[in-house]
Protein backbone atom coordinates (compact mmCIF):
# COMPACT_ATOMS: atom_id res chain seq x y z
CA MET A 1 -49.86 89.44 -49.41
CA GLY A 2 -48.93 91.90 -52.16
CA PHE A 3 -49.01 94.74 -49.62
CA VAL A 4 -46.47 92.95 -47.43
CA VAL A 5 -44.15 92.40 -50.39
CA VAL A 6 -44.32 96.09 -51.36
CA LEU A 7 -43.82 97.12 -47.73
CA LEU A 8 -40.74 94.93 -47.34
CA ALA A 9 -39.31 96.11 -50.67
CA ALA A 10 -39.84 99.76 -49.72
CA LEU A 11 -38.26 99.30 -46.28
CA THR A 12 -35.32 97.40 -47.74
CA GLY A 13 -34.79 100.03 -50.43
CA THR A 14 -34.98 102.82 -47.87
CA VAL A 15 -32.46 101.17 -45.57
CA ILE A 16 -30.08 100.58 -48.49
CA VAL A 17 -30.31 104.14 -49.87
CA VAL A 18 -30.08 105.89 -46.50
CA GLY A 19 -27.36 103.52 -45.27
CA LEU A 20 -25.20 103.98 -48.37
CA TYR A 21 -25.67 107.75 -48.35
CA SER A 22 -24.79 108.12 -44.66
CA LEU A 23 -21.80 105.79 -45.03
CA GLY A 24 -20.68 107.83 -48.04
CA LEU A 25 -20.90 111.06 -46.03
CA LYS A 26 -18.96 109.52 -43.16
CA LEU A 27 -16.23 108.32 -45.52
CA LEU A 28 -16.16 111.71 -47.23
CA VAL A 29 -15.51 113.39 -43.88
CA ARG A 30 -12.83 110.81 -43.04
CA ALA A 31 -11.20 111.58 -46.38
CA GLY A 32 -10.85 115.20 -45.29
CA ARG A 33 -13.55 116.63 -47.54
CA VAL A 34 -16.08 117.92 -45.05
CA PRO A 35 -19.16 119.08 -46.99
CA VAL A 36 -20.05 122.58 -45.83
CA VAL A 37 -23.12 123.86 -47.59
CA SER A 38 -24.08 127.45 -47.03
CA PRO A 39 -27.82 127.79 -46.50
CA ALA A 40 -29.98 128.89 -49.37
CA THR A 41 -31.73 132.20 -49.05
CA PHE A 42 -35.49 131.97 -49.20
CA THR A 43 -37.85 134.87 -48.84
CA ASP A 44 -40.08 132.93 -46.47
CA ALA A 45 -37.33 131.10 -44.57
CA ILE A 46 -38.19 130.08 -41.04
CA THR A 47 -34.58 129.72 -39.93
CA VAL A 48 -32.05 132.34 -40.94
CA PHE A 49 -28.33 131.73 -40.53
CA THR A 50 -26.16 134.70 -39.74
CA GLU A 51 -22.78 135.28 -41.34
CA ALA A 52 -21.16 134.43 -38.00
CA GLU A 53 -22.89 131.03 -37.90
CA ILE A 54 -21.81 130.26 -41.47
CA LYS A 55 -18.20 131.25 -40.70
CA SER A 56 -18.29 129.16 -37.52
CA ALA A 57 -19.44 126.08 -39.46
CA ALA A 58 -16.68 126.58 -42.05
CA LYS A 59 -14.11 127.02 -39.25
CA LYS A 60 -15.27 123.77 -37.58
CA ALA A 61 -15.02 121.95 -40.92
CA ALA A 62 -11.47 123.22 -41.48
CA LYS A 63 -10.51 122.14 -37.95
CA ALA A 64 -11.91 118.65 -38.59
CA VAL A 65 -9.81 118.38 -41.75
CA ARG A 66 -6.64 119.36 -39.83
CA LYS A 67 -7.34 116.82 -37.05
CA ASN A 68 -7.70 113.91 -39.48
CA PRO A 69 -5.29 111.12 -38.38
CA LEU A 70 -5.35 109.22 -41.68
CA SER A 71 -2.42 108.97 -44.04
CA PRO A 72 -2.78 110.39 -47.59
CA MET A 73 -3.30 106.86 -48.99
CA GLN A 74 -6.00 106.10 -46.41
CA LYS A 75 -7.70 109.39 -47.28
CA ARG A 76 -7.67 108.44 -50.98
CA ILE A 77 -9.15 105.03 -50.20
CA ALA A 78 -11.86 106.65 -48.05
CA LEU A 79 -12.63 109.12 -50.84
CA VAL A 80 -12.95 106.37 -53.46
CA ALA A 81 -15.13 104.36 -51.06
CA ALA A 82 -17.32 107.43 -50.44
CA TYR A 83 -17.84 108.00 -54.16
CA THR A 84 -18.57 104.29 -54.56
CA CYS A 85 -21.24 104.51 -51.86
CA PHE A 86 -22.81 107.52 -53.60
CA ALA A 87 -22.75 105.68 -56.94
CA LEU A 88 -24.39 102.60 -55.40
CA CYS A 89 -26.98 104.85 -53.76
CA GLY A 90 -27.78 106.39 -57.14
CA ALA A 91 -27.89 102.94 -58.74
CA ALA A 92 -30.37 101.76 -56.11
CA VAL A 93 -32.59 104.77 -56.83
CA LEU A 94 -32.39 104.19 -60.59
CA PHE A 95 -33.17 100.50 -60.09
CA GLY A 96 -36.25 101.47 -58.09
CA ILE A 97 -37.36 103.78 -60.88
CA TYR A 98 -36.72 100.99 -63.40
CA LEU A 99 -38.99 98.70 -61.39
CA ILE A 100 -41.77 101.30 -61.22
CA VAL A 101 -41.82 102.63 -64.80
CA PRO A 102 -42.57 99.35 -66.63
CA ALA A 103 -45.41 98.71 -64.18
CA LEU A 104 -47.05 101.98 -65.30
CA HIS A 105 -47.13 100.89 -68.94
CA GLY A 106 -48.19 97.31 -68.46
């Protein structure tokens, strides 16, 4: 029975963290702050992005920002909601760590 409890807790935690993070990203994009991350350079990288691909991604992100139909107030609300989702996601992770650490000492 203990296995089932741990399984359900892990699945619930995973759904909460992934759901909050993806909702936060969606709200961040709706707020007009499209996260464009240039790829890291690794010596043994399997996939290599060219400068043209990086510029194309940045151009698409800028176009998405221009096409945003929200008013400035709606964008601010979406931005605050996105940061709230990220904070709740971090809180869920910290709560999970809090639940694990005392179990290691006791």
